[in-house]
Amino acid sequence: MIGTSKYEGGKKYCRRCEIYFLHDGSFCPCCGMKLRLSPTGKKDRERLRQIRSLEQLTEIHERQNNKGAISKLATSPTTSSSFTPPS
């Protein structure tokens, strides 16, 4: 990823091994040390926070749009012929 933070891509950093991991756990698989989830610099942390909050707002907006579309489908009148039983 060029021009983006490694943390933005979901990677975590081990201070002891000095390696970035794409790992589900909270601890380094090599040495067992706790992995960093965010940058150490104030400017970088703020930038990552803004990116994550923007992503969350986008997800909420998409869910609301999808919910509105589903409710419109559920409340739309259906055109069906009336059934009359045979006599």
PDB file of N, CA and C in Angstrom:
ATOM      1  N   MET A   1       0.838  -1.174   0.000  1.00  0.00           N
ATOM      2  CA  MET A   1       0.000   0.000   0.000  1.00  0.00           C
ATOM      3  C   MET A   1       0.885   1.240   0.000  1.00  0.00           C
ATOM      4  N   ILE A   2       0.818   1.982  -1.042  1.00  0.00           N
ATOM      5  CA  ILE A   2       1.617   3.184  -1.139  1.00  0.00           C
ATOM      6  C   ILE A   2       0.781   4.370  -0.696  1.00  0.00           C
ATOM      7  N   GLY A   3       1.331   5.191   0.194  1.00  0.00           N
ATOM      8  CA  GLY A   3       0.650   6.392   0.638  1.00  0.00           C
ATOM      9  C   GLY A   3      -0.368   6.178   1.747  1.00  0.00           C
ATOM     10  N   THR A   4      -0.426   4.984   2.308  1.00  0.00           N
ATOM     11  CA  THR A   4      -1.338   4.730   3.418  1.00  0.00           C
ATOM     12  C   THR A   4      -0.564   4.159   4.594  1.00  0.00           C
ATOM     13  N   SER A   5      -1.150   4.288   5.760  1.00  0.00           N
ATOM     14  CA  SER A   5      -0.541   3.768   6.968  1.00  0.00           C
ATOM     15  C   SER A   5      -0.645   2.248   7.001  1.00  0.00           C
ATOM     16  N   LYS A   6       0.366   1.598   7.539  1.00  0.00           N
ATOM     17  CA  LYS A   6       0.303   0.146   7.693  1.00  0.00           C
ATOM     18  C   LYS A   6      -0.817  -0.231   8.656  1.00  0.00           C
ATOM     19  N   TYR A   7      -1.034   0.612   9.677  1.00  0.00           N
ATOM     20  CA  TYR A   7      -2.093   0.360  10.641  1.00  0.00           C
ATOM     21  C   TYR A   7      -3.470   0.477   9.986  1.00  0.00           C
ATOM     22  N   GLU A   8      -3.580   1.355   9.006  1.00  0.00           N
ATOM     23  CA  GLU A   8      -4.841   1.538   8.285  1.00  0.00           C
ATOM     24  C   GLU A   8      -5.244   0.253   7.561  1.00  0.00           C
ATOM     25  N   GLY A   9      -4.265  -0.498   7.099  1.00  0.00           N
ATOM     26  CA  GLY A   9      -4.524  -1.754   6.411  1.00  0.00           C
ATOM     27  C   GLY A   9      -4.798  -2.915   7.358  1.00  0.00           C
ATOM     28  N   GLY A  10      -4.803  -2.654   8.665  1.00  0.00           N
ATOM     29  CA  GLY A  10      -5.093  -3.691   9.638  1.00  0.00           C
ATOM     30  C   GLY A  10      -3.870  -4.384  10.202  1.00  0.00           C
ATOM     31  N   LYS A  11      -2.690  -3.892   9.861  1.00  0.00           N
ATOM     32  CA  LYS A  11      -1.468  -4.512  10.365  1.00  0.00           C
ATOM     33  C   LYS A  11      -1.188  -4.046  11.788  1.00  0.00           C
ATOM     34  N   LYS A  12      -0.435  -4.875  12.524  1.00  0.00           N
ATOM     35  CA  LYS A  12      -0.032  -4.580  13.894  1.00  0.00           C
ATOM     36  C   LYS A  12       1.480  -4.679  13.966  1.00  0.00           C
ATOM     37  N   TYR A  13       2.094  -3.935  14.897  1.00  0.00           N
ATOM     38  CA  TYR A  13       3.547  -3.840  14.960  1.00  0.00           C
ATOM     39  C   TYR A  13       4.083  -4.423  16.261  1.00  0.00           C
ATOM     40  N   CYS A  14       5.128  -5.235  16.154  1.00  0.00           N
ATOM     41  CA  CYS A  14       5.831  -5.761  17.326  1.00  0.00           C
ATOM     42  C   CYS A  14       7.089  -4.919  17.533  1.00  0.00           C
ATOM     43  N   ARG A  15       7.194  -4.310  18.698  1.00  0.00           N
ATOM     44  CA  ARG A  15       8.356  -3.474  18.989  1.00  0.00           C
ATOM     45  C   ARG A  15       9.627  -4.290  19.167  1.00  0.00           C
ATOM     46  N   ARG A  16       9.502  -5.486  19.668  1.00  0.00           N
ATOM     47  CA  ARG A  16      10.688  -6.315  19.900  1.00  0.00           C
ATOM     48  C   ARG A  16      11.223  -6.892  18.590  1.00  0.00           C
ATOM     49  N   CYS A  17      10.348  -7.466  17.786  1.00  0.00           N
ATOM     50  CA  CYS A  17      10.770  -8.075  16.514  1.00  0.00           C
ATOM     51  C   CYS A  17      10.951  -7.031  15.408  1.00  0.00           C
ATOM     52  N   GLU A  18      10.346  -5.847  15.601  1.00  0.00           N
ATOM     53  CA  GLU A  18      10.375  -4.762  14.629  1.00  0.00           C
ATOM     54  C   GLU A  18       9.803  -5.198  13.287  1.00  0.00           C
ATOM     55  N   ILE A  19       8.636  -5.871  13.345  1.00  0.00           N
ATOM     56  CA  ILE A  19       7.959  -6.387  12.157  1.00  0.00           C
ATOM     57  C   ILE A  19       6.479  -6.034  12.250  1.00  0.00           C
ATOM     58  N   TYR A  20       5.863  -5.747  11.101  1.00  0.00           N
ATOM     59  CA  TYR A  20       4.419  -5.557  11.020  1.00  0.00           C
ATOM     60  C   TYR A  20       3.768  -6.892  10.691  1.00  0.00           C
ATOM     61  N   PHE A  21       2.691  -7.206  11.383  1.00  0.00           N
ATOM     62  CA  PHE A  21       1.967  -8.449  11.175  1.00  0.00           C
ATOM     63  C   PHE A  21       0.539  -8.168  10.744  1.00  0.00           C
ATOM     64  N   LEU A  22       0.012  -9.019   9.903  1.00  0.00           N
ATOM     65  CA  LEU A  22      -1.413  -9.046   9.596  1.00  0.00           C
ATOM     66  C   LEU A  22      -1.921 -10.269  10.360  1.00  0.00           C
ATOM     67  N   HIS A  23      -2.274 -10.033  11.640  1.00  0.00           N
ATOM     68  CA  HIS A  23      -2.501 -11.114  12.598  1.00  0.00           C
ATOM     69  C   HIS A  23      -3.764 -10.809  13.396  1.00  0.00           C
ATOM     70  N   ASP A  24      -4.581 -11.824  13.671  1.00  0.00           N
ATOM     71  CA  ASP A  24      -5.827 -11.626  14.411  1.00  0.00           C
ATOM     72  C   ASP A  24      -5.605 -11.429  15.902  1.00  0.00           C
ATOM     73  N   GLY A  25      -4.553 -11.978  16.451  1.00  0.00           N
ATOM     74  CA  GLY A  25      -4.313 -11.911  17.888  1.00  0.00           C
ATOM     75  C   GLY A  25      -3.753 -10.576  18.336  1.00  0.00           C
ATOM     76  N   SER A  26      -3.659 -10.398  19.659  1.00  0.00           N
ATOM     77  CA  SER A  26      -3.135  -9.172  20.259  1.00  0.00           C
ATOM     78  C   SER A  26      -1.652  -9.270  20.585  1.00  0.00           C
ATOM     79  N   PHE A  27      -1.112 -10.489  20.530  1.00  0.00           N
ATOM     80  CA  PHE A  27       0.278 -10.696  20.910  1.00  0.00           C
ATOM     81  C   PHE A  27       1.078 -11.240  19.738  1.00  0.00           C
ATOM     82  N   CYS A  28       2.363 -10.914  19.712  1.00  0.00           N
ATOM     83  CA  CYS A  28       3.263 -11.340  18.642  1.00  0.00           C
ATOM     84  C   CYS A  28       3.372 -12.861  18.613  1.00  0.00           C
ATOM     85  N   PRO A  29       3.186 -13.461  17.432  1.00  0.00           N
ATOM     86  CA  PRO A  29       3.322 -14.921  17.346  1.00  0.00           C
ATOM     87  C   PRO A  29       4.766 -15.393  17.528  1.00  0.00           C
ATOM     88  N   CYS A  30       5.748 -14.506  17.367  1.00  0.00           N
ATOM     89  CA  CYS A  30       7.161 -14.892  17.508  1.00  0.00           C
ATOM     90  C   CYS A  30       7.645 -14.822  18.957  1.00  0.00           C
ATOM     91  N   CYS A  31       7.415 -13.660  19.600  1.00  0.00           N
ATOM     92  CA  CYS A  31       7.994 -13.441  20.924  1.00  0.00           C
ATOM     93  C   CYS A  31       6.960 -13.299  22.038  1.00  0.00           C
ATOM     94  N   GLY A  32       5.693 -13.123  21.684  1.00  0.00           N
ATOM     95  CA  GLY A  32       4.647 -13.027  22.701  1.00  0.00           C
ATOM     96  C   GLY A  32       4.409 -11.625  23.234  1.00  0.00           C
ATOM     97  N   MET A  33       5.108 -10.627  22.707  1.00  0.00           N
ATOM     98  CA  MET A  33       4.922  -9.250  23.174  1.00  0.00           C
ATOM     99  C   MET A  33       3.624  -8.667  22.607  1.00  0.00           C
ATOM    100  N   LYS A  34       3.003  -7.758  23.363  1.00  0.00           N
ATOM    101  CA  LYS A  34       1.776  -7.101  22.926  1.00  0.00           C
ATOM    102  C   LYS A  34       2.056  -6.295  21.664  1.00  0.00           C
ATOM    103  N   LEU A  35       1.157  -6.425  20.662  1.00  0.00           N
ATOM    104  CA  LEU A  35       1.328  -5.721  19.387  1.00  0.00           C
ATOM    105  C   LEU A  35       0.697  -4.338  19.446  1.00  0.00           C
ATOM    106  N   ARG A  36       1.343  -3.383  18.773  1.00  0.00           N
ATOM    107  CA  ARG A  36       0.800  -2.024  18.674  1.00  0.00           C
ATOM    108  C   ARG A  36      -0.280  -2.007  17.613  1.00  0.00           C
ATOM    109  N   LEU A  37      -1.387  -1.289  17.905  1.00  0.00           N
ATOM    110  CA  LEU A  37      -2.496  -1.179  16.967  1.00  0.00           C
ATOM    111  C   LEU A  37      -2.556   0.178  16.298  1.00  0.00           C
ATOM    112  N   SER A  38      -1.769   1.140  16.813  1.00  0.00           N
ATOM    113  CA  SER A  38      -1.799   2.492  16.254  1.00  0.00           C
ATOM    114  C   SER A  38      -0.398   3.095  16.285  1.00  0.00           C
ATOM    115  N   PRO A  39      -0.173   4.123  15.463  1.00  0.00           N
ATOM    116  CA  PRO A  39       1.151   4.757  15.407  1.00  0.00           C
ATOM    117  C   PRO A  39       1.505   5.472  16.710  1.00  0.00           C
ATOM    118  N   THR A  40       2.808   5.725  16.904  1.00  0.00           N
ATOM    119  CA  THR A  40       3.251   6.410  18.117  1.00  0.00           C
ATOM    120  C   THR A  40       3.192   7.923  17.974  1.00  0.00           C
ATOM    121  N   GLY A  41       3.326   8.445  16.764  1.00  0.00           N
ATOM    122  CA  GLY A  41       3.332   9.890  16.550  1.00  0.00           C
ATOM    123  C   GLY A  41       1.940  10.495  16.639  1.00  0.00           C
ATOM    124  N   LYS A  42       1.841  11.672  17.234  1.00  0.00           N
ATOM    125  CA  LYS A  42       0.546  12.327  17.447  1.00  0.00           C
ATOM    126  C   LYS A  42      -0.167  12.611  16.124  1.00  0.00           C
ATOM    127  N   LYS A  43       0.549  13.134  15.144  1.00  0.00           N
ATOM    128  CA  LYS A  43      -0.065  13.464  13.853  1.00  0.00           C
ATOM    129  C   LYS A  43      -0.577  12.213  13.147  1.00  0.00           C
ATOM    130  N   ASP A  44       0.210  11.147  13.203  1.00  0.00           N
ATOM    131  CA  ASP A  44      -0.191   9.895  12.559  1.00  0.00           C
ATOM    132  C   ASP A  44      -1.388   9.256  13.254  1.00  0.00           C
ATOM    133  N   ARG A  45      -1.410   9.314  14.595  1.00  0.00           N
ATOM    134  CA  ARG A  45      -2.554   8.780  15.346  1.00  0.00           C
ATOM    135  C   ARG A  45      -3.835   9.543  14.995  1.00  0.00           C
ATOM    136  N   GLU A  46      -3.737  10.868  14.914  1.00  0.00           N
ATOM    137  CA  GLU A  46      -4.897  11.697  14.579  1.00  0.00           C
ATOM    138  C   GLU A  46      -5.393  11.392  13.168  1.00  0.00           C
ATOM    139  N   ARG A  47      -4.480  11.232  12.238  1.00  0.00           N
ATOM    140  CA  ARG A  47      -4.846  10.917  10.851  1.00  0.00           C
ATOM    141  C   ARG A  47      -5.571   9.568  10.778  1.00  0.00           C
ATOM    142  N   LEU A  48      -5.046   8.568  11.491  1.00  0.00           N
ATOM    143  CA  LEU A  48      -5.663   7.249  11.505  1.00  0.00           C
ATOM    144  C   LEU A  48      -7.042   7.309  12.165  1.00  0.00           C
ATOM    145  N   ARG A  49      -7.170   8.087  13.239  1.00  0.00           N
ATOM    146  CA  ARG A  49      -8.461   8.245  13.913  1.00  0.00           C
ATOM    147  C   ARG A  49      -9.493   8.843  12.970  1.00  0.00           C
ATOM    148  N   GLN A  50      -9.109   9.852  12.205  1.00  0.00           N
ATOM    149  CA  GLN A  50     -10.022  10.483  11.253  1.00  0.00           C
ATOM    150  C   GLN A  50     -10.425   9.512  10.152  1.00  0.00           C
ATOM    151  N   ILE A  51      -9.492   8.737   9.664  1.00  0.00           N
ATOM    152  CA  ILE A  51      -9.791   7.759   8.606  1.00  0.00           C
ATOM    153  C   ILE A  51     -10.766   6.715   9.123  1.00  0.00           C
ATOM    154  N   ARG A  52     -10.531   6.206  10.329  1.00  0.00           N
ATOM    155  CA  ARG A  52     -11.420   5.185  10.902  1.00  0.00           C
ATOM    156  C   ARG A  52     -12.809   5.737  11.172  1.00  0.00           C
ATOM    157  N   SER A  53     -12.914   6.972  11.661  1.00  0.00           N
ATOM    158  CA  SER A  53     -14.238   7.544  11.928  1.00  0.00           C
ATOM    159  C   SER A  53     -14.979   7.792  10.616  1.00  0.00           C
ATOM    160  N   LEU A  54     -14.269   8.180   9.566  1.00  0.00           N
ATOM    161  CA  LEU A  54     -14.893   8.365   8.260  1.00  0.00           C
ATOM    162  C   LEU A  54     -15.416   7.035   7.718  1.00  0.00           C
ATOM    163  N   GLU A  55     -14.639   5.961   7.907  1.00  0.00           N
ATOM    164  CA  GLU A  55     -15.077   4.636   7.468  1.00  0.00           C
ATOM    165  C   GLU A  55     -16.318   4.192   8.227  1.00  0.00           C
ATOM    166  N   GLN A  56     -16.364   4.475   9.543  1.00  0.00           N
ATOM    167  CA  GLN A  56     -17.533   4.103  10.342  1.00  0.00           C
ATOM    168  C   GLN A  56     -18.765   4.872   9.893  1.00  0.00           C
ATOM    169  N   LEU A  57     -18.617   6.161   9.612  1.00  0.00           N
ATOM    170  CA  LEU A  57     -19.745   6.961   9.137  1.00  0.00           C
ATOM    171  C   LEU A  57     -20.261   6.454   7.796  1.00  0.00           C
ATOM    172  N   THR A  58     -19.344   6.058   6.929  1.00  0.00           N
ATOM    173  CA  THR A  58     -19.728   5.521   5.622  1.00  0.00           C
ATOM    174  C   THR A  58     -20.509   4.220   5.790  1.00  0.00           C
ATOM    175  N   GLU A  59     -20.052   3.347   6.687  1.00  0.00           N
ATOM    176  CA  GLU A  59     -20.758   2.082   6.931  1.00  0.00           C
ATOM    177  C   GLU A  59     -22.155   2.329   7.480  1.00  0.00           C
ATOM    178  N   ILE A  60     -22.291   3.266   8.415  1.00  0.00           N
ATOM    179  CA  ILE A  60     -23.599   3.589   8.993  1.00  0.00           C
ATOM    180  C   ILE A  60     -24.525   4.129   7.917  1.00  0.00           C
ATOM    181  N   HIS A  61     -24.006   5.006   7.081  1.00  0.00           N
ATOM    182  CA  HIS A  61     -24.803   5.588   6.000  1.00  0.00           C
ATOM    183  C   HIS A  61     -25.283   4.507   5.033  1.00  0.00           C
ATOM    184  N   GLU A  62     -24.401   3.580   4.683  1.00  0.00           N
ATOM    185  CA  GLU A  62     -24.770   2.495   3.769  1.00  0.00           C
ATOM    186  C   GLU A  62     -25.832   1.597   4.382  1.00  0.00           C
ATOM    187  N   ARG A  63     -25.695   1.291   5.695  1.00  0.00           N
ATOM    188  CA  ARG A  63     -26.702   0.456   6.360  1.00  0.00           C
ATOM    189  C   ARG A  63     -28.056   1.142   6.367  1.00  0.00           C
ATOM    190  N   GLN A  64     -28.067   2.458   6.614  1.00  0.00           N
ATOM    191  CA  GLN A  64     -29.331   3.194   6.626  1.00  0.00           C
ATOM    192  C   GLN A  64     -29.961   3.212   5.242  1.00  0.00           C
ATOM    193  N   ASN A  65     -29.166   3.369   4.213  1.00  0.00           N
ATOM    194  CA  ASN A  65     -29.690   3.347   2.848  1.00  0.00           C
ATOM    195  C   ASN A  65     -30.257   1.980   2.503  1.00  0.00           C
ATOM    196  N   ASN A  66     -29.562   0.930   2.909  1.00  0.00           N
ATOM    197  CA  ASN A  66     -30.049  -0.423   2.640  1.00  0.00           C
ATOM    198  C   ASN A  66     -31.328  -0.708   3.413  1.00  0.00           C
ATOM    199  N   LYS A  67     -31.402  -0.235   4.651  1.00  0.00           N
ATOM    200  CA  LYS A  67     -32.594  -0.449   5.459  1.00  0.00           C
ATOM    201  C   LYS A  67     -33.785   0.281   4.842  1.00  0.00           C
ATOM    202  N   GLY A  68     -33.555   1.489   4.333  1.00  0.00           N
ATOM    203  CA  GLY A  68     -34.619   2.259   3.679  1.00  0.00           C
ATOM    204  C   GLY A  68     -35.116   1.566   2.431  1.00  0.00           C
ATOM    205  N   ALA A  69     -34.216   0.984   1.665  1.00  0.00           N
ATOM    206  CA  ALA A  69     -34.604   0.285   0.441  1.00  0.00           C
ATOM    207  C   ALA A  69     -35.408  -0.966   0.776  1.00  0.00           C
ATOM    208  N   ILE A  70     -35.023  -1.663   1.827  1.00  0.00           N
ATOM    209  CA  ILE A  70     -35.744  -2.872   2.233  1.00  0.00           C
ATOM    210  C   ILE A  70     -37.139  -2.514   2.735  1.00  0.00           C
ATOM    211  N   SER A  71     -37.247  -1.449   3.533  1.00  0.00           N
ATOM    212  CA  SER A  71     -38.567  -1.077   4.052  1.00  0.00           C
ATOM    213  C   SER A  71     -39.478  -0.593   2.931  1.00  0.00           C
ATOM    214  N   LYS A  72     -38.919   0.040   1.902  1.00  0.00           N
ATOM    215  CA  LYS A  72     -39.733   0.468   0.761  1.00  0.00           C
ATOM    216  C   LYS A  72     -40.283  -0.744   0.023  1.00  0.00           C
ATOM    217  N   LEU A  73     -39.466  -1.781  -0.098  1.00  0.00           N
ATOM    218  CA  LEU A  73     -39.920  -3.001  -0.759  1.00  0.00           C
ATOM    219  C   LEU A  73     -41.020  -3.684   0.051  1.00  0.00           C
ATOM    220  N   ALA A  74     -40.886  -3.658   1.361  1.00  0.00           N
ATOM    221  CA  ALA A  74     -41.853  -4.327   2.221  1.00  0.00           C
ATOM    222  C   ALA A  74     -43.193  -3.594   2.242  1.00  0.00           C
ATOM    223  N   THR A  75     -43.175  -2.273   2.088  1.00  0.00           N
ATOM    224  CA  THR A  75     -44.415  -1.497   2.175  1.00  0.00           C
ATOM    225  C   THR A  75     -45.009  -1.181   0.816  1.00  0.00           C
ATOM    226  N   SER A  76     -44.338  -1.524  -0.262  1.00  0.00           N
ATOM    227  CA  SER A  76     -44.877  -1.204  -1.580  1.00  0.00           C
ATOM    228  C   SER A  76     -46.082  -2.091  -1.874  1.00  0.00           C
ATOM    229  N   PRO A  77     -47.113  -1.501  -2.482  1.00  0.00           N
ATOM    230  CA  PRO A  77     -48.304  -2.304  -2.783  1.00  0.00           C
ATOM    231  C   PRO A  77     -47.988  -3.332  -3.863  1.00  0.00           C
ATOM    232  N   THR A  78     -48.568  -4.489  -3.731  1.00  0.00           N
ATOM    233  CA  THR A  78     -48.346  -5.528  -4.723  1.00  0.00           C
ATOM    234  C   THR A  78     -49.562  -5.609  -5.613  1.00  0.00           C
ATOM    235  N   THR A  79     -49.318  -5.875  -6.837  1.00  0.00           N
ATOM    236  CA  THR A  79     -50.424  -6.005  -7.790  1.00  0.00           C
ATOM    237  C   THR A  79     -50.695  -7.487  -7.968  1.00  0.00           C
ATOM    238  N   SER A  80     -51.755  -7.950  -7.370  1.00  0.00           N
ATOM    239  CA  SER A  80     -52.111  -9.350  -7.524  1.00  0.00           C
ATOM    240  C   SER A  80     -53.596  -9.433  -7.826  1.00  0.00           C
ATOM    241  N   SER A  81     -53.950 -10.379  -8.624  1.00  0.00           N
ATOM    242  CA  SER A  81     -55.360 -10.538  -8.961  1.00  0.00           C
ATOM    243  C   SER A  81     -56.067 -11.157  -7.762  1.00  0.00           C
ATOM    244  N   SER A  82     -57.309 -10.770  -7.576  1.00  0.00           N
ATOM    245  CA  SER A  82     -58.058 -11.326  -6.462  1.00  0.00           C
ATOM    246  C   SER A  82     -58.457 -12.743  -6.789  1.00  0.00           C
ATOM    247  N   PHE A  83     -58.339 -13.591  -5.815  1.00  0.00           N
ATOM    248  CA  PHE A  83     -58.622 -15.012  -6.014  1.00  0.00           C
ATOM    249  C   PHE A  83     -60.107 -15.269  -5.738  1.00  0.00           C
ATOM    250  N   THR A  84     -60.764 -15.930  -6.655  1.00  0.00           N
ATOM    251  CA  THR A  84     -62.136 -16.329  -6.442  1.00  0.00           C
ATOM    252  C   THR A  84     -62.207 -17.843  -6.537  1.00  0.00           C
ATOM    253  N   PRO A  85     -62.709 -18.458  -5.494  1.00  0.00           N
ATOM    254  CA  PRO A  85     -62.759 -19.923  -5.507  1.00  0.00           C
ATOM    255  C   PRO A  85     -63.758 -20.425  -6.558  1.00  0.00           C
ATOM    256  N   PRO A  86     -63.459 -21.562  -7.153  1.00  0.00           N
ATOM    257  CA  PRO A  86     -64.385 -22.117  -8.168  1.00  0.00           C
ATOM    258  C   PRO A  86     -65.689 -22.566  -7.499  1.00  0.00           C
ATOM    259  N   SER A  87     -66.800 -22.400  -8.226  1.00  0.00           N
ATOM    260  CA  SER A  87     -68.093 -22.790  -7.665  1.00  0.00           C
ATOM    261  C   SER A  87     -68.587 -24.114  -8.156  1.00  0.00           C
TER     262      SER A  87
END
